[in-house]
């Protein structure tokens, strides 16, 4: 019941100002755990496990490197560009040391005080996934998102615990556009004949 109540409260907050914060938009965040969005990843070598750096297979215009544990964060990773501006940081995803519900609530309440109502609720009604997303436009006109999320289910594809994600979507798009321009955008393959539906089902 407590999880359902928290989910309902988060959804209710969005009805207060459905288009975002009622007041003037606060300044977009650009720092997390001592790392700055848009800066070069080489500036933060002491915070990162450089040996883990590798290109992301699904998005070859981006690379990722693991974040070293600190008193605040258990781990996570930093994503940086490989094309438009090699080494430029475009996203951070970190896992808090504290996995407790009370800590999650405290983080949410502090962010509500700092940034106002979230733009979107990032969770489910069952309460296994809970979280909020704030959206910003920074001084350069970049689209920034901040997501705080909690997951305590059994899905191995999901990160358990309390997670924070800070992303510059404008820089992400610039990296993708650069890669597509340099390598050419392949035309999608022709649509195949609809397969037998049985092929979609487990047996």
C-alpha atoms as a PDB file:
ATOM      1  CA  UNK A   1       0.000   0.000   0.000  1.00  0.00           C
ATOM      2  CA  UNK A   2       2.841   2.395   0.795  1.00  0.00           C
ATOM      3  CA  UNK A   3       4.286   1.871  -2.688  1.00  0.00           C
ATOM      4  CA  UNK A   4       0.931   2.528  -4.313  1.00  0.00           C
ATOM      5  CA  UNK A   5       0.483   5.655  -2.232  1.00  0.00           C
ATOM      6  CA  UNK A   6       3.913   6.958  -3.232  1.00  0.00           C
ATOM      7  CA  UNK A   7       3.198   6.287  -6.908  1.00  0.00           C
ATOM      8  CA  UNK A   8      -0.164   8.030  -6.633  1.00  0.00           C
ATOM      9  CA  UNK A   9       1.448  11.013  -4.903  1.00  0.00           C
ATOM     10  CA  UNK A  10       4.046  11.345  -7.666  1.00  0.00           C
ATOM     11  CA  UNK A  11       1.347  11.198 -10.335  1.00  0.00           C
ATOM     12  CA  UNK A  12      -0.730  13.762  -8.437  1.00  0.00           C
ATOM     13  CA  UNK A  13       2.196  16.195  -8.369  1.00  0.00           C
ATOM     14  CA  UNK A  14       2.107  16.317 -12.152  1.00  0.00           C
ATOM     15  CA  UNK A  15      -1.485  17.541 -12.135  1.00  0.00           C
ATOM     16  CA  UNK A  16      -0.536  20.611 -10.117  1.00  0.00           C
ATOM     17  CA  UNK A  17       1.560  22.019 -12.977  1.00  0.00           C
ATOM     18  CA  UNK A  18       1.035  19.700 -15.956  1.00  0.00           C
ATOM     19  CA  UNK A  19       3.355  21.728 -18.163  1.00  0.00           C
ATOM     20  CA  UNK A  20       6.197  21.711 -15.629  1.00  0.00           C
ATOM     21  CA  UNK A  21       7.156  23.962 -12.694  1.00  0.00           C
ATOM     22  CA  UNK A  22       4.695  26.754 -11.992  1.00  0.00           C
ATOM     23  CA  UNK A  23       7.413  29.313 -11.428  1.00  0.00           C
ATOM     24  CA  UNK A  24      10.332  30.300 -13.649  1.00  0.00           C
ATOM     25  CA  UNK A  25      12.394  27.289 -14.622  1.00  0.00           C
ATOM     26  CA  UNK A  26      15.358  26.760 -12.287  1.00  0.00           C
ATOM     27  CA  UNK A  27      18.878  26.541 -13.645  1.00  0.00           C
ATOM     28  CA  UNK A  28      19.576  23.224 -15.347  1.00  0.00           C
ATOM     29  CA  UNK A  29      21.894  20.910 -13.404  1.00  0.00           C
ATOM     30  CA  UNK A  30      25.162  20.059 -15.126  1.00  0.00           C
ATOM     31  CA  UNK A  31      27.282  18.482 -12.369  1.00  0.00           C
ATOM     32  CA  UNK A  32      26.977  15.139 -10.614  1.00  0.00           C
ATOM     33  CA  UNK A  33      29.495  13.449  -8.303  1.00  0.00           C
ATOM     34  CA  UNK A  34      32.186  15.935  -9.314  1.00  0.00           C
ATOM     35  CA  UNK A  35      31.716  15.329 -13.054  1.00  0.00           C
ATOM     36  CA  UNK A  36      30.439  17.968 -15.495  1.00  0.00           C
ATOM     37  CA  UNK A  37      28.174  17.383 -18.484  1.00  0.00           C
ATOM     38  CA  UNK A  38      29.761  18.720 -21.658  1.00  0.00           C
ATOM     39  CA  UNK A  39      33.291  18.627 -20.257  1.00  0.00           C
ATOM     40  CA  UNK A  40      36.006  16.272 -21.523  1.00  0.00           C
ATOM     41  CA  UNK A  41      36.157  12.888 -19.865  1.00  0.00           C
ATOM     42  CA  UNK A  42      39.958  13.201 -19.567  1.00  0.00           C
ATOM     43  CA  UNK A  43      39.458  15.907 -16.929  1.00  0.00           C
ATOM     44  CA  UNK A  44      38.002  13.355 -14.491  1.00  0.00           C
ATOM     45  CA  UNK A  45      40.395  10.421 -14.770  1.00  0.00           C
ATOM     46  CA  UNK A  46      40.760  10.164 -10.986  1.00  0.00           C
ATOM     47  CA  UNK A  47      37.021   9.471 -10.657  1.00  0.00           C
ATOM     48  CA  UNK A  48      36.840   6.888 -13.452  1.00  0.00           C
ATOM     49  CA  UNK A  49      38.163   3.413 -14.143  1.00  0.00           C
ATOM     50  CA  UNK A  50      39.765   4.274 -17.463  1.00  0.00           C
ATOM     51  CA  UNK A  51      40.638   0.635 -18.213  1.00  0.00           C
ATOM     52  CA  UNK A  52      36.904  -0.093 -18.626  1.00  0.00           C
ATOM     53  CA  UNK A  53      36.411   2.486 -21.394  1.00  0.00           C
ATOM     54  CA  UNK A  54      34.827   1.010 -24.538  1.00  0.00           C
ATOM     55  CA  UNK A  55      32.571   1.921 -27.439  1.00  0.00           C
ATOM     56  CA  UNK A  56      28.901   1.053 -27.007  1.00  0.00           C
ATOM     57  CA  UNK A  57      28.034  -1.601 -29.577  1.00  0.00           C
ATOM     58  CA  UNK A  58      24.472  -0.396 -30.205  1.00  0.00           C
ATOM     59  CA  UNK A  59      25.541   3.270 -30.484  1.00  0.00           C
ATOM     60  CA  UNK A  60      29.097   3.370 -31.905  1.00  0.00           C
ATOM     61  CA  UNK A  61      29.127   7.164 -31.788  1.00  0.00           C
ATOM     62  CA  UNK A  62      29.305   6.891 -27.992  1.00  0.00           C
ATOM     63  CA  UNK A  63      31.674   5.288 -25.482  1.00  0.00           C
ATOM     64  CA  UNK A  64      31.238   4.468 -21.831  1.00  0.00           C
ATOM     65  CA  UNK A  65      33.568   4.236 -18.852  1.00  0.00           C
ATOM     66  CA  UNK A  66      32.877   2.982 -15.317  1.00  0.00           C
ATOM     67  CA  UNK A  67      32.657   5.336 -12.354  1.00  0.00           C
ATOM     68  CA  UNK A  68      34.722   4.491  -9.259  1.00  0.00           C
ATOM     69  CA  UNK A  69      32.765   3.930  -5.995  1.00  0.00           C
ATOM     70  CA  UNK A  70      32.654   6.825  -3.528  1.00  0.00           C
ATOM     71  CA  UNK A  71      31.054   7.476  -0.152  1.00  0.00           C
ATOM     72  CA  UNK A  72      27.919   8.643  -2.023  1.00  0.00           C
ATOM     73  CA  UNK A  73      27.744   6.293  -5.006  1.00  0.00           C
ATOM     74  CA  UNK A  74      28.220   2.532  -5.317  1.00  0.00           C
ATOM     75  CA  UNK A  75      29.176   2.788  -8.983  1.00  0.00           C
ATOM     76  CA  UNK A  76      27.797   3.571 -12.404  1.00  0.00           C
ATOM     77  CA  UNK A  77      29.150   4.889 -15.664  1.00  0.00           C
ATOM     78  CA  UNK A  78      29.813   7.965 -17.786  1.00  0.00           C
ATOM     79  CA  UNK A  79      28.943   8.169 -21.499  1.00  0.00           C
ATOM     80  CA  UNK A  80      30.991  10.374 -23.835  1.00  0.00           C
ATOM     81  CA  UNK A  81      31.095  11.207 -27.511  1.00  0.00           C
ATOM     82  CA  UNK A  82      33.281   9.677 -30.231  1.00  0.00           C
ATOM     83  CA  UNK A  83      32.456  11.829 -33.260  1.00  0.00           C
ATOM     84  CA  UNK A  84      31.225  15.406 -32.992  1.00  0.00           C
ATOM     85  CA  UNK A  85      33.452  16.149 -30.005  1.00  0.00           C
ATOM     86  CA  UNK A  86      35.460  13.086 -28.912  1.00  0.00           C
ATOM     87  CA  UNK A  87      35.587  12.745 -25.143  1.00  0.00           C
ATOM     88  CA  UNK A  88      32.726  15.168 -24.435  1.00  0.00           C
ATOM     89  CA  UNK A  89      30.513  13.869 -21.626  1.00  0.00           C
ATOM     90  CA  UNK A  90      26.854  13.488 -22.593  1.00  0.00           C
ATOM     91  CA  UNK A  91      25.384  11.296 -19.832  1.00  0.00           C
ATOM     92  CA  UNK A  92      25.981  10.053 -16.292  1.00  0.00           C
ATOM     93  CA  UNK A  93      24.198   7.115 -14.670  1.00  0.00           C
ATOM     94  CA  UNK A  94      25.124   6.438 -11.049  1.00  0.00           C
ATOM     95  CA  UNK A  95      23.831   4.143  -8.313  1.00  0.00           C
ATOM     96  CA  UNK A  96      23.593   5.508  -4.778  1.00  0.00           C
ATOM     97  CA  UNK A  97      25.277   3.664  -1.923  1.00  0.00           C
ATOM     98  CA  UNK A  98      22.038   3.834   0.081  1.00  0.00           C
ATOM     99  CA  UNK A  99      19.379   1.526  -1.395  1.00  0.00           C
ATOM    100  CA  UNK A 100      16.737   2.334   1.228  1.00  0.00           C
ATOM    101  CA  UNK A 101      13.254   3.707   0.610  1.00  0.00           C
ATOM    102  CA  UNK A 102      13.727   6.463   3.191  1.00  0.00           C
ATOM    103  CA  UNK A 103      16.803   7.696   1.331  1.00  0.00           C
ATOM    104  CA  UNK A 104      14.906   7.624  -1.968  1.00  0.00           C
ATOM    105  CA  UNK A 105      12.103   9.724  -0.473  1.00  0.00           C
ATOM    106  CA  UNK A 106      14.625  12.185   0.937  1.00  0.00           C
ATOM    107  CA  UNK A 107      16.309  12.627  -2.462  1.00  0.00           C
ATOM    108  CA  UNK A 108      12.927  13.154  -4.164  1.00  0.00           C
ATOM    109  CA  UNK A 109      11.806  15.736  -1.607  1.00  0.00           C
ATOM    110  CA  UNK A 110      15.096  17.651  -1.905  1.00  0.00           C
ATOM    111  CA  UNK A 111      14.791  17.725  -5.688  1.00  0.00           C
ATOM    112  CA  UNK A 112      11.190  18.901  -5.475  1.00  0.00           C
ATOM    113  CA  UNK A 113      12.401  21.793  -3.323  1.00  0.00           C
ATOM    114  CA  UNK A 114      15.238  22.562  -5.732  1.00  0.00           C
ATOM    115  CA  UNK A 115      13.606  22.066  -9.135  1.00  0.00           C
ATOM    116  CA  UNK A 116       9.867  22.111  -8.552  1.00  0.00           C
ATOM    117  CA  UNK A 117       7.413  19.531  -9.861  1.00  0.00           C
ATOM    118  CA  UNK A 118       8.778  16.852 -12.204  1.00  0.00           C
ATOM    119  CA  UNK A 119       7.822  16.755 -15.867  1.00  0.00           C
ATOM    120  CA  UNK A 120       7.070  13.047 -15.830  1.00  0.00           C
ATOM    121  CA  UNK A 121       6.533  10.170 -13.437  1.00  0.00           C
ATOM    122  CA  UNK A 122       8.970   7.332 -14.240  1.00  0.00           C
ATOM    123  CA  UNK A 123       7.443   4.307 -12.587  1.00  0.00           C
ATOM    124  CA  UNK A 124       4.634   1.790 -12.478  1.00  0.00           C
ATOM    125  CA  UNK A 125       1.472   1.589 -10.390  1.00  0.00           C
ATOM    126  CA  UNK A 126       2.645  -1.624  -8.723  1.00  0.00           C
ATOM    127  CA  UNK A 127       5.495   0.239  -7.059  1.00  0.00           C
ATOM    128  CA  UNK A 128       8.357  -1.964  -8.288  1.00  0.00           C
ATOM    129  CA  UNK A 129       9.655   0.970 -10.325  1.00  0.00           C
ATOM    130  CA  UNK A 130       9.372   4.466  -8.866  1.00  0.00           C
ATOM    131  CA  UNK A 131      10.887   7.704  -9.978  1.00  0.00           C
ATOM    132  CA  UNK A 132      10.582  11.171 -11.435  1.00  0.00           C
ATOM    133  CA  UNK A 133      11.987  12.984 -14.444  1.00  0.00           C
ATOM    134  CA  UNK A 134      12.800  16.692 -14.600  1.00  0.00           C
ATOM    135  CA  UNK A 135      13.386  18.397 -17.946  1.00  0.00           C
ATOM    136  CA  UNK A 136      15.404  21.587 -18.485  1.00  0.00           C
ATOM    137  CA  UNK A 137      16.864  23.858 -21.126  1.00  0.00           C
ATOM    138  CA  UNK A 138      20.304  25.163 -20.214  1.00  0.00           C
ATOM    139  CA  UNK A 139      21.872  28.508 -21.107  1.00  0.00           C
ATOM    140  CA  UNK A 140      23.196  27.084 -24.397  1.00  0.00           C
ATOM    141  CA  UNK A 141      19.729  25.860 -25.369  1.00  0.00           C
ATOM    142  CA  UNK A 142      20.563  22.195 -24.747  1.00  0.00           C
ATOM    143  CA  UNK A 143      17.845  19.805 -23.599  1.00  0.00           C
ATOM    144  CA  UNK A 144      18.774  18.312 -20.207  1.00  0.00           C
ATOM    145  CA  UNK A 145      16.997  15.573 -18.281  1.00  0.00           C
ATOM    146  CA  UNK A 146      17.405  14.464 -14.683  1.00  0.00           C
ATOM    147  CA  UNK A 147      15.887  11.139 -13.615  1.00  0.00           C
ATOM    148  CA  UNK A 148      15.765   9.663 -10.118  1.00  0.00           C
ATOM    149  CA  UNK A 149      14.530   6.079 -10.096  1.00  0.00           C
ATOM    150  CA  UNK A 150      14.181   3.181  -7.692  1.00  0.00           C
ATOM    151  CA  UNK A 151      13.816  -0.480  -8.633  1.00  0.00           C
ATOM    152  CA  UNK A 152      13.641  -3.429  -6.230  1.00  0.00           C
ATOM    153  CA  UNK A 153      12.200  -6.122  -8.509  1.00  0.00           C
ATOM    154  CA  UNK A 154      13.793  -9.303  -9.841  1.00  0.00           C
ATOM    155  CA  UNK A 155      14.353  -8.342 -13.494  1.00  0.00           C
ATOM    156  CA  UNK A 156      18.068  -8.860 -14.183  1.00  0.00           C
ATOM    157  CA  UNK A 157      17.929  -6.309 -17.021  1.00  0.00           C
ATOM    158  CA  UNK A 158      17.081  -3.568 -14.519  1.00  0.00           C
ATOM    159  CA  UNK A 159      19.506  -1.997 -12.032  1.00  0.00           C
ATOM    160  CA  UNK A 160      18.315  -2.592  -8.479  1.00  0.00           C
ATOM    161  CA  UNK A 161      18.497   0.212  -5.942  1.00  0.00           C
ATOM    162  CA  UNK A 162      18.362   3.992  -6.195  1.00  0.00           C
ATOM    163  CA  UNK A 163      19.643   5.442  -9.464  1.00  0.00           C
ATOM    164  CA  UNK A 164      20.289   8.945 -10.791  1.00  0.00           C
ATOM    165  CA  UNK A 165      20.689   9.773 -14.494  1.00  0.00           C
ATOM    166  CA  UNK A 166      21.767  13.147 -15.881  1.00  0.00           C
ATOM    167  CA  UNK A 167      21.720  13.515 -19.686  1.00  0.00           C
ATOM    168  CA  UNK A 168      22.343  16.240 -22.262  1.00  0.00           C
ATOM    169  CA  UNK A 169      20.113  15.098 -25.138  1.00  0.00           C
ATOM    170  CA  UNK A 170      21.298  17.840 -27.477  1.00  0.00           C
ATOM    171  CA  UNK A 171      24.899  16.633 -27.211  1.00  0.00           C
ATOM    172  CA  UNK A 172      23.737  13.027 -27.603  1.00  0.00           C
ATOM    173  CA  UNK A 173      21.924  13.935 -30.829  1.00  0.00           C
ATOM    174  CA  UNK A 174      24.968  15.846 -32.108  1.00  0.00           C
ATOM    175  CA  UNK A 175      27.114  12.738 -31.699  1.00  0.00           C
ATOM    176  CA  UNK A 176      24.610  10.558 -33.539  1.00  0.00           C
ATOM    177  CA  UNK A 177      24.155  13.080 -36.363  1.00  0.00           C
ATOM    178  CA  UNK A 178      27.916  13.367 -36.782  1.00  0.00           C
ATOM    179  CA  UNK A 179      28.303   9.595 -37.046  1.00  0.00           C
ATOM    180  CA  UNK A 180      25.441   9.280 -39.530  1.00  0.00           C
ATOM    181  CA  UNK A 181      26.906  12.073 -41.684  1.00  0.00           C
ATOM    182  CA  UNK A 182      30.372  10.502 -41.737  1.00  0.00           C
ATOM    183  CA  UNK A 183      29.225   6.938 -42.317  1.00  0.00           C
ATOM    184  CA  UNK A 184      26.028   7.536 -44.241  1.00  0.00           C
ATOM    185  CA  UNK A 185      22.565   6.564 -43.125  1.00  0.00           C
ATOM    186  CA  UNK A 186      21.658   3.166 -44.519  1.00  0.00           C
ATOM    187  CA  UNK A 187      18.190   2.769 -45.979  1.00  0.00           C
ATOM    188  CA  UNK A 188      16.026   0.433 -43.910  1.00  0.00           C
ATOM    189  CA  UNK A 189      15.761  -3.091 -45.320  1.00  0.00           C
ATOM    190  CA  UNK A 190      12.561  -3.959 -47.202  1.00  0.00           C
ATOM    191  CA  UNK A 191       9.731  -5.118 -45.006  1.00  0.00           C
ATOM    192  CA  UNK A 192       9.674  -8.913 -45.071  1.00  0.00           C
ATOM    193  CA  UNK A 193       6.552 -10.925 -45.563  1.00  0.00           C
ATOM    194  CA  UNK A 194       4.600 -11.273 -42.344  1.00  0.00           C
ATOM    195  CA  UNK A 195       5.835 -14.438 -40.610  1.00  0.00           C
ATOM    196  CA  UNK A 196       3.738 -17.184 -39.098  1.00  0.00           C
ATOM    197  CA  UNK A 197       2.614 -15.790 -35.723  1.00  0.00           C
ATOM    198  CA  UNK A 198       3.663 -19.058 -34.030  1.00  0.00           C
ATOM    199  CA  UNK A 199       7.241 -17.912 -34.470  1.00  0.00           C
ATOM    200  CA  UNK A 200       6.701 -15.193 -31.845  1.00  0.00           C
ATOM    201  CA  UNK A 201       5.522 -17.588 -29.149  1.00  0.00           C
ATOM    202  CA  UNK A 202       7.421 -19.808 -26.707  1.00  0.00           C
ATOM    203  CA  UNK A 203       6.917 -23.546 -26.983  1.00  0.00           C
END
